[in-house]
Protein backbone atom coordinates (compact mmCIF):
# COMPACT_ATOMS: atom_id res chain seq x y z
CA MET A 1 3.00 35.65 3.37
CA ALA A 2 1.32 38.48 5.24
CA VAL A 3 2.16 41.95 6.39
CA ILE A 4 2.32 42.60 10.13
CA GLU A 5 1.71 46.15 11.34
CA PRO A 6 3.00 46.85 14.88
CA ARG A 7 0.94 49.13 17.09
CA GLY A 8 3.66 51.62 17.82
CA ASP A 9 5.63 53.18 14.98
CA GLY A 10 3.68 51.92 11.96
CA ARG A 11 6.67 49.98 10.52
CA ARG A 12 5.84 46.69 8.82
CA GLN A 13 7.33 43.24 8.97
CA THR A 14 6.72 40.15 6.83
CA VAL A 15 6.14 36.81 8.53
CA PRO A 16 4.85 33.41 7.36
CA ASN A 17 1.08 32.86 7.55
CA SER A 18 1.68 29.95 9.93
CA MET A 19 3.06 32.36 12.55
CA MET A 20 0.08 34.69 12.53
CA HIS A 21 -1.38 33.24 15.71
CA LEU A 22 1.89 33.83 17.60
CA THR A 23 1.84 37.61 17.37
CA THR A 24 -0.27 40.18 19.13
CA TRP A 25 0.37 42.73 16.36
CA ARG A 26 -2.37 43.83 14.02
CA TYR A 27 -2.11 42.19 10.61
CA ARG A 28 -3.65 42.08 7.18
CA ARG A 29 -3.01 40.38 3.88
CA VAL A 30 -1.51 42.55 1.17
CA THR A 31 -4.19 43.55 -1.32
CA GLY A 32 -2.76 46.87 -2.48
CA PRO A 33 -1.55 50.15 -0.96
CA LYS A 34 -3.73 51.14 1.96
CA LEU A 35 -1.68 53.57 4.04
CA LEU A 36 -3.28 56.92 4.86
CA LYS A 37 -1.27 59.83 6.26
CA GLY A 38 1.17 57.69 8.13
CA ARG A 39 -1.33 55.27 9.57
CA ALA A 40 -2.36 51.87 8.36
CA MET A 41 -5.90 51.03 7.45
CA THR A 42 -6.68 47.52 8.58
CA ASP A 43 -9.63 46.81 6.31
CA LEU A 44 -11.15 48.47 3.28
CA THR A 45 -14.00 45.99 3.06
CA PRO A 46 -16.38 47.12 5.79
CA ASP A 47 -19.34 45.28 7.22
CA THR A 48 -21.53 45.22 4.13
CA VAL A 49 -24.73 43.62 2.91
CA GLY A 50 -22.72 40.86 1.26
CA LYS A 51 -20.93 40.00 4.49
CA ARG A 52 -24.17 39.94 6.45
CA ILE A 53 -25.83 37.68 3.87
CA LYS A 54 -22.94 35.25 4.16
CA GLN A 55 -23.05 35.29 7.97
CA ILE A 56 -26.79 34.64 8.15
CA ARG A 57 -26.62 32.06 5.36
CA LYS A 58 -24.07 30.09 7.35
CA LEU A 59 -26.22 30.34 10.47
CA ARG A 60 -29.04 28.84 8.38
CA HIS A 61 -26.66 26.06 7.22
CA MET A 62 -27.29 26.94 3.59
CA THR A 63 -24.87 26.89 0.68
CA GLN A 64 -24.67 29.77 -1.76
CA THR A 65 -26.36 27.62 -4.37
CA GLU A 66 -29.21 26.69 -2.02
CA LEU A 67 -29.78 30.32 -1.07
CA ALA A 68 -29.69 31.43 -4.69
CA LEU A 69 -32.25 28.78 -5.62
CA LYS A 70 -34.56 29.81 -2.79
CA ALA A 71 -34.15 33.52 -3.59
CA LYS A 72 -34.77 32.82 -7.31
CA ILE A 73 -31.52 34.38 -8.54
CA SER A 74 -28.55 32.75 -10.26
CA ALA A 75 -25.74 31.21 -8.24
CA SER A 76 -23.20 33.51 -9.91
CA HIS A 77 -25.31 36.54 -8.99
CA MET A 78 -25.43 35.37 -5.38
CA ALA A 79 -21.67 34.86 -5.29
CA GLN A 80 -21.04 38.33 -6.70
CA VAL A 81 -23.40 39.92 -4.14
CA GLU A 82 -21.68 38.20 -1.24
CA GLN A 83 -18.26 39.22 -2.56
CA GLY A 84 -19.37 42.81 -3.10
CA LYS A 85 -18.73 42.63 -6.84
CA ARG A 86 -22.38 43.25 -7.65
CA GLN A 87 -24.93 45.42 -5.92
CA ALA A 88 -27.87 43.79 -4.22
CA GLY A 89 -30.62 46.05 -5.51
CA PRO A 90 -33.72 46.48 -3.33
CA ALA A 91 -35.71 43.76 -5.09
CA VAL A 92 -32.85 41.26 -4.95
CA LEU A 93 -32.15 42.14 -1.32
CA ALA A 94 -35.81 41.56 -0.47
CA SER A 95 -35.76 38.14 -2.20
CA ILE A 96 -32.63 37.11 -0.31
CA ALA A 97 -34.10 38.35 2.98
CA ARG A 98 -37.26 36.28 2.42
CA ALA A 99 -35.14 33.24 1.61
CA LEU A 100 -33.21 33.73 4.86
CA SER A 101 -36.40 34.49 6.87
CA VAL A 102 -35.12 37.87 8.07
CA PRO A 103 -36.27 41.44 7.39
CA PRO A 104 -34.21 43.35 4.79
CA ALA A 105 -33.14 45.75 7.56
CA ASP A 106 -31.16 42.90 9.16
CA LEU A 107 -29.13 42.51 5.97
CA GLU A 108 -28.60 46.28 5.82
CA GLY A 109 -27.42 46.29 9.43
CA ARG A 110 -30.06 48.78 10.54
CA PRO A 111 -30.41 50.43 12.93
CA TYR A 112 -26.76 51.52 13.09
CA LEU A 113 -26.56 51.62 16.86
CA GLU A 114 -22.97 52.82 17.25
CA GLU A 115 -23.61 55.79 14.99
CA LEU A 116 -26.91 56.50 16.78
CA ARG A 117 -25.01 56.59 20.07
CA ARG A 118 -22.42 58.94 18.61
CA ASP A 119 -25.22 61.24 17.47
CA GLN A 120 -26.94 60.81 20.88
CA LEU A 121 -30.09 59.62 19.12
CA ASP A 122 -30.44 56.16 20.64
CA GLY A 123 -31.60 57.53 24.00
CA LEU A 124 -34.42 59.48 22.34
CA ILE A 125 -36.22 56.42 20.96
CA GLN A 126 -37.62 54.96 24.20
CA PRO A 127 -39.47 58.17 25.23
CA ILE A 128 -41.19 58.18 21.84
CA ARG A 129 -42.26 54.56 22.38
CA GLU A 130 -43.71 55.47 25.77
CA SER A 131 -45.62 58.48 24.42
CA LEU A 132 -47.22 56.31 21.72
CA ASP A 133 -48.52 53.92 24.37
CA ILE A 134 -50.84 56.38 26.15
CA PHE A 135 -53.09 57.01 23.15
CA ASP A 136 -56.24 55.45 24.67
CA LEU A 137 -55.84 56.45 28.32
CA GLY A 138 -57.85 59.65 28.04
CA ALA A 139 -56.85 62.97 29.57
CA ASP A 140 -53.99 62.92 32.08
CA PRO A 141 -55.01 64.96 35.17
CA ASP A 142 -51.37 65.84 35.82
CA VAL A 143 -50.88 67.43 32.37
CA ALA A 144 -51.95 71.02 31.69
CA PRO A 145 -51.90 71.41 27.90
CA ARG A 146 -51.26 74.70 26.14
CA PRO A 147 -53.90 76.37 23.95
CA THR A 148 -54.81 74.54 20.75
CA GLU A 149 -53.15 77.09 18.45
CA GLN A 150 -49.82 76.65 20.24
CA LEU A 151 -50.00 72.86 20.01
CA VAL A 152 -50.79 73.06 16.28
CA ASP A 153 -47.91 75.49 15.70
CA HIS A 154 -45.53 73.24 17.66
CA THR A 155 -46.63 70.27 15.54
CA ASP A 156 -45.81 72.17 12.37
CA ARG A 157 -42.44 73.21 13.75
CA LEU A 158 -41.48 69.58 14.43
CA CYS A 159 -42.50 68.60 10.90
CA ARG A 160 -40.28 71.39 9.61
CA LEU A 161 -37.35 70.15 11.71
CA ILE A 162 -37.68 66.64 10.27
CA ARG A 163 -37.86 67.90 6.70
CA GLY A 164 -34.76 69.93 7.45
CA SER A 165 -33.12 66.70 8.74
CA ASP A 166 -32.76 67.89 12.33
CA LEU A 167 -33.87 64.54 13.69
CA ARG A 168 -32.26 65.02 17.10
CA SER A 169 -34.22 68.16 17.99
CA ALA A 170 -37.47 66.73 16.66
CA ALA A 171 -37.03 63.43 18.52
CA ALA A 172 -36.24 65.25 21.76
CA GLU A 173 -39.39 67.41 21.63
CA LEU A 174 -41.86 64.88 20.21
CA PRO A 175 -42.71 62.75 23.30
CA GLY A 176 -43.69 65.74 25.42
CA LEU A 177 -45.77 67.21 22.60
CA ILE A 178 -47.61 63.92 22.03
CA THR A 179 -48.35 63.60 25.75
CA GLU A 180 -49.66 67.15 25.93
CA THR A 181 -51.75 66.93 22.75
CA THR A 182 -53.21 63.55 23.76
CA THR A 183 -54.66 65.08 26.91
CA ALA A 184 -55.90 68.14 25.00
CA ALA A 185 -57.57 66.04 22.29
CA HIS A 186 -59.38 63.86 24.85
CA SER A 187 -60.55 66.84 26.90
CA ARG A 188 -61.49 69.41 24.22
CA ASP A 189 -64.01 69.22 21.41
CA ASP A 190 -61.65 70.40 18.68
CA ARG A 191 -61.00 68.45 15.46
CA ARG A 192 -57.73 70.32 14.95
CA LEU A 193 -56.19 68.56 17.95
CA TRP A 194 -56.84 65.12 16.50
CA GLN A 195 -55.33 66.31 13.20
CA ALA A 196 -52.30 67.64 15.06
CA LEU A 197 -51.95 64.38 16.99
CA ALA A 198 -52.11 62.41 13.71
CA MET A 199 -49.29 64.54 12.29
CA GLN A 200 -47.25 64.05 15.48
CA TYR A 201 -47.61 60.29 15.08
CA ARG A 202 -46.47 60.75 11.48
CA SER A 203 -43.40 62.57 12.79
CA GLY A 204 -42.75 59.55 15.00
CA TYR A 205 -42.95 57.38 11.89
CA ASP A 206 -40.53 59.64 10.00
CA ILE A 207 -37.96 59.58 12.79
CA ALA A 208 -38.23 55.84 13.38
CA SER A 209 -38.07 54.87 9.71
CA LYS A 210 -35.10 57.15 8.97
CA LEU A 211 -33.17 55.70 11.90
CA GLY A 212 -34.04 52.07 11.14
CA PHE A 213 -36.54 51.27 13.93
CA GLN A 214 -39.18 49.69 11.71
CA ASP A 215 -41.24 48.27 14.58
CA LEU A 216 -41.63 51.75 16.05
CA ALA A 217 -42.46 53.13 12.59
CA SER A 218 -45.28 50.59 12.27
CA ILE A 219 -46.73 51.48 15.69
CA SER A 220 -46.57 55.18 14.79
CA LEU A 221 -48.58 54.58 11.63
CA ASP A 222 -51.23 52.63 13.55
CA ARG A 223 -51.59 55.57 15.94
CA MET A 224 -51.75 57.98 13.00
CA GLY A 225 -54.67 56.06 11.51
CA TRP A 226 -56.44 56.04 14.88
CA ALA A 227 -56.12 59.82 15.24
CA ALA A 228 -57.08 60.51 11.60
CA GLU A 229 -60.33 58.59 12.10
CA ARG A 230 -61.20 60.80 15.06
CA ALA A 231 -60.42 63.87 13.00
CA SER A 232 -62.59 62.55 10.11
CA ASP A 233 -59.73 63.62 7.84
CA ALA A 234 -59.59 61.66 4.55
CA VAL A 235 -56.41 63.38 3.33
CA THR A 236 -54.48 62.56 6.52
CA GLY A 237 -55.86 59.03 6.39
CA ALA A 238 -54.62 58.68 2.81
CA ILE A 239 -51.15 59.89 3.80
CA ARG A 240 -51.11 57.31 6.56
CA GLN A 241 -51.94 54.52 4.09
CA TYR A 242 -49.31 55.86 1.68
CA ASN A 243 -46.63 55.73 4.38
CA ARG A 244 -47.83 52.26 5.35
CA ALA A 245 -47.31 51.17 1.74
CA LEU A 246 -43.76 52.54 1.89
CA ALA A 247 -43.13 50.38 4.95
CA TYR A 248 -44.03 47.35 2.84
CA LEU A 249 -41.73 48.69 0.13
CA ARG A 250 -38.82 48.60 2.59
CA ALA A 251 -39.85 45.12 3.69
CA GLY A 252 -39.80 43.88 0.10
CA GLN A 253 -43.52 42.96 0.11
CA TYR A 254 -44.35 44.83 -3.07
CA ARG A 255 -47.70 43.25 -3.93
CA THR A 256 -49.11 44.04 -0.49
CA GLY A 257 -47.60 47.52 -0.68
CA ILE A 258 -49.39 48.18 -3.97
CA ARG A 259 -52.71 47.02 -2.51
CA ILE A 260 -52.27 49.39 0.44
CA ALA A 261 -51.26 52.26 -1.86
CA GLU A 262 -54.42 51.66 -3.94
CA LEU A 263 -56.40 51.92 -0.70
CA ALA A 264 -54.63 55.23 -0.03
CA ARG A 265 -55.71 56.51 -3.45
CA GLU A 266 -59.31 55.47 -2.78
CA THR A 267 -59.20 57.16 0.63
CA ALA A 268 -57.92 60.40 -0.91
CA GLU A 269 -60.87 60.40 -3.32
CA LEU A 270 -63.18 60.78 -0.30
CA ALA A 271 -61.69 64.21 0.44
CA ASP A 272 -63.11 67.44 -0.95
CA PRO A 273 -61.78 68.33 -4.41
CA GLY A 274 -58.83 70.69 -4.36
CA LEU A 275 -55.07 71.02 -4.19
CA ASP A 276 -54.67 68.81 -1.10
CA ARG A 277 -56.48 65.89 -2.68
CA ASP A 278 -54.66 66.28 -6.00
CA ALA A 279 -51.21 66.45 -4.39
CA VAL A 280 -51.79 63.42 -2.18
CA THR A 281 -53.31 61.42 -5.05
CA GLY A 282 -50.36 62.28 -7.28
CA GLN A 283 -47.88 61.28 -4.60
CA VAL A 284 -49.67 57.96 -4.11
CA HIS A 285 -49.31 57.26 -7.85
CA LEU A 286 -45.56 57.87 -7.49
CA GLY A 287 -45.42 55.44 -4.58
CA ILE A 288 -47.21 52.77 -6.64
CA ALA A 289 -44.76 53.36 -9.49
CA VAL A 290 -41.79 52.67 -7.21
CA LEU A 291 -43.43 49.54 -5.81
CA ALA A 292 -44.16 48.36 -9.36
CA ALA A 293 -40.54 49.00 -10.39
CA ARG A 294 -39.33 46.79 -7.56
CA SER A 295 -41.70 44.04 -8.70
CA SER A 296 -40.68 44.44 -12.38
CA ASP A 297 -44.15 45.53 -13.54
CA THR A 298 -43.12 47.98 -16.26
CA ALA A 299 -46.67 48.69 -17.41
CA ALA A 300 -47.73 49.72 -13.89
CA VAL A 301 -44.62 51.89 -13.56
CA ASP A 302 -45.38 53.75 -16.78
CA GLY A 303 -49.10 54.07 -16.06
CA ASN A 304 -48.69 55.51 -12.59
CA LEU A 305 -45.88 57.88 -13.60
CA ALA A 306 -48.11 59.14 -16.42
CA ALA A 307 -51.02 59.64 -14.01
CA ALA A 308 -48.81 61.57 -11.58
CA GLU A 309 -47.44 63.68 -14.44
CA ARG A 310 -50.96 64.63 -15.53
CA ILE A 311 -51.85 65.70 -12.00
CA SER A 312 -48.61 67.67 -11.62
CA GLY A 313 -49.52 69.56 -14.78
CA ARG A 314 -52.56 70.88 -12.90
CA THR A 315 -50.92 71.53 -9.57
CA GLY A 316 -47.46 72.78 -10.56
CA GLU A 317 -44.86 72.65 -7.80
CA VAL A 318 -46.60 72.12 -4.46
CA PRO A 319 -44.04 72.88 -1.75
CA GLU A 320 -46.22 71.86 1.14
CA VAL A 321 -49.42 69.85 1.57
CA LEU A 322 -49.50 68.40 5.07
CA TRP A 323 -45.69 68.35 4.84
CA LEU A 324 -45.71 66.40 1.61
CA SER A 325 -44.08 67.79 -1.57
CA PHE A 326 -45.48 67.12 -5.02
CA GLY A 327 -45.01 68.52 -8.51
CA PRO A 328 -43.18 68.02 -11.82
CA THR A 329 -39.77 67.84 -10.11
CA ASN A 330 -40.86 65.07 -7.77
CA VAL A 331 -42.36 63.17 -10.71
CA ALA A 332 -39.01 63.38 -12.55
CA ALA A 333 -37.11 62.29 -9.42
CA HIS A 334 -39.39 59.28 -9.03
CA ARG A 335 -38.95 58.43 -12.72
CA ALA A 336 -35.19 58.33 -12.14
CA SER A 337 -35.69 56.27 -8.99
CA CYS A 338 -37.84 53.72 -10.84
CA LEU A 339 -35.17 53.36 -13.54
CA ILE A 340 -32.49 52.86 -10.89
CA ASP A 341 -34.57 50.17 -9.20
CA GLN A 342 -34.81 48.41 -12.57
CA ALA A 343 -30.99 48.66 -12.95
CA LEU A 344 -31.41 51.01 -15.94
CA TYR A 345 -28.67 53.27 -14.63
CA HIS A 346 -27.73 55.12 -17.83
CA GLU A 347 -31.37 55.97 -18.53
CA ALA A 348 -31.81 57.11 -14.92
CA LEU A 349 -28.82 59.44 -15.18
CA GLN A 350 -30.27 60.96 -18.34
CA VAL A 351 -33.42 61.85 -16.42
CA ALA A 352 -31.43 63.05 -13.40
CA ARG A 353 -29.40 65.46 -15.52
CA SER A 354 -32.59 67.31 -16.43
CA ILE A 355 -33.70 67.77 -12.81
CA GLU A 356 -33.20 71.14 -11.15
CA ILE A 357 -34.07 70.83 -7.48
CA PRO A 358 -36.24 73.79 -6.44
CA ALA A 359 -35.33 75.84 -3.39
CA SER A 360 -38.68 74.88 -1.85
CA TRP A 361 -37.72 71.20 -1.65
CA PRO A 362 -37.02 70.00 1.90
CA ALA A 363 -33.41 69.10 2.62
CA SER A 364 -34.37 65.54 3.52
CA ARG A 365 -36.00 64.93 0.11
CA ALA A 366 -33.14 66.53 -1.84
CA ALA A 367 -30.56 64.48 0.10
CA HIS A 368 -32.43 61.26 -0.65
CA HIS A 369 -32.41 62.11 -4.36
CA HIS A 370 -28.66 62.78 -4.33
CA ALA A 371 -28.04 59.43 -2.60
CA GLU A 372 -30.08 57.56 -5.21
CA VAL A 373 -28.27 59.25 -8.11
CA ALA A 374 -24.95 58.42 -6.41
CA ARG A 375 -25.93 54.75 -6.54
CA ALA A 376 -26.52 54.96 -10.31
CA LEU A 377 -23.25 56.83 -10.84
CA LEU A 378 -21.33 54.17 -8.92
CA TRP A 379 -22.70 51.35 -11.06
CA THR A 380 -21.87 53.18 -14.29
CA GLY A 381 -18.24 53.56 -13.24
CA LYS A 382 -18.42 57.25 -12.28
CA GLY A 383 -16.97 56.94 -8.78
CA ASP A 384 -15.84 60.54 -8.35
CA ALA A 385 -19.24 61.89 -9.39
CA ALA A 386 -20.95 59.39 -7.08
CA PHE A 387 -18.86 60.55 -4.13
CA ARG A 388 -19.68 64.20 -4.87
CA ARG A 389 -23.38 63.32 -4.72
CA LEU A 390 -22.86 61.65 -1.34
CA LEU A 391 -21.15 64.81 -0.12
CA ASP A 392 -24.14 66.81 -1.35
CA ALA A 393 -26.46 64.51 0.57
CA ARG A 394 -24.39 64.91 3.74
CA HIS A 395 -24.31 68.70 3.37
CA LEU A 396 -28.09 68.89 3.04
CA ALA A 397 -29.15 66.28 5.60
CA PRO A 398 -26.23 65.03 7.72
CA GLN A 399 -28.17 63.00 10.30
CA GLN A 400 -30.35 61.32 7.68
CA SER A 401 -27.39 60.58 5.40
CA ARG A 402 -25.33 59.12 8.19
CA HIS A 403 -28.01 56.50 8.85
CA SER A 404 -29.03 55.87 5.22
CA SER A 405 -28.55 52.33 3.91
CA THR A 406 -28.29 53.71 0.35
CA VAL A 407 -25.44 56.03 1.38
CA ARG A 408 -23.63 53.26 3.22
CA GLU A 409 -23.86 50.66 0.46
CA THR A 410 -22.80 53.19 -2.18
CA MET A 411 -19.85 54.15 -0.01
CA ALA A 412 -18.95 50.49 0.43
CA GLY A 413 -18.90 50.12 -3.36
CA LEU A 414 -16.64 53.16 -3.68
CA LEU A 415 -14.25 51.72 -1.10
CA ARG A 416 -14.00 48.45 -2.98
CA ALA A 417 -13.29 50.27 -6.24
CA GLN A 418 -10.41 52.37 -4.88
CA ARG A 419 -6.80 51.26 -5.09
CA ARG A 420 -5.72 54.29 -3.08
CA LEU A 421 -8.20 55.82 -0.70
CA PRO A 422 -8.33 59.64 -0.81
CA GLU A 423 -8.36 61.31 2.59
CA SER A 424 -11.77 62.88 1.92
CA MET A 425 -13.26 59.45 1.20
CA SER A 426 -11.58 57.93 4.24
CA ASN A 427 -13.02 60.69 6.42
CA PHE A 428 -16.50 60.15 4.98
CA ALA A 429 -16.29 56.39 5.58
CA SER A 430 -15.22 57.02 9.15
CA TRP A 431 -18.04 59.52 9.62
CA ILE A 432 -20.71 56.94 8.74
CA GLY A 433 -18.98 54.29 10.85
CA MET A 434 -17.44 52.10 8.15
């Protein structure tokens, strides 16, 4: 039997399953109480990673067993992932994506176009693409660029907007700034302009990667490397390679990501000794540690975390080196992240409890940390605490959190675990489009 919910007054009627096709009413099978403030909720199992895996698997004409074999995980693990009873951690998700011949972002459902349209962010992507395409055309005679100092200051302001999670404002201003700085860099003999242009391309990478446009993120990094070479700036070049390694992290290609991160470390060593070089080198070690955690290389995780910790002992908290944070707090946050990626959730929460986020941390970084801890809390049965962390992430960085795959999958797990859905949780799920 099934419950039929008419569109008008919300009253319900029971009819045989065989009659389902005869009605135009909305219906659902009874799986528990799901009424919220007088209205019925049609589905508490949103479009999740598990559902997408199943859909693509069927398109590939593969059985669960065949996919599990190809992804090198057990058949029971695969079944639990598809059913939403077990989380597909990043490494598992990457293995399944490779087995299905799709990028992990396809299984995550990124980019989340409906939510981008609601936030009016989708229309800002194409102008960024167009501004990245004029890099080698020289000075535009129809563009009259501002003085160098103003262009550099504007570049810094956009970086600050992104770190504060105001992606909309940054994305709206970025194309015009890139166009203006491109002409200035080609027409003036000033290394600072090439440095500014490199950082603008990095801002393009940040926006694209946070919103799920990985192709645009890759193009942005290529442009960043091109500009850094013209600026003869080893530190900026190292940051570019570090971000490139993170792109391979998201793609699940951990071995290649580690090789690129090692290149970033070698590039940083070409810079003059000082705080900038130390902070970037330390951050690269943290990136390698995360890549190693995803590839289950415990020795590399421990070695790189130890190296970063030694460097942070010299630098202390570094709130800002080319818009990159480093210090003891970031080392501890990455230690927790590595434990989470290895499914050592209780150990990760022990580390997380000792972390006090400094006021100097950018909102985007703090929100990402809260989202990761929420994931560990969910999988240790602490649903209420997990949801509070998601609320913290939304408070700090609403646009970033709304489009975060970690936030969405954690929320999907919370929805599955709830017999009765609190209004606050229902509102949050609606806010992120689930």
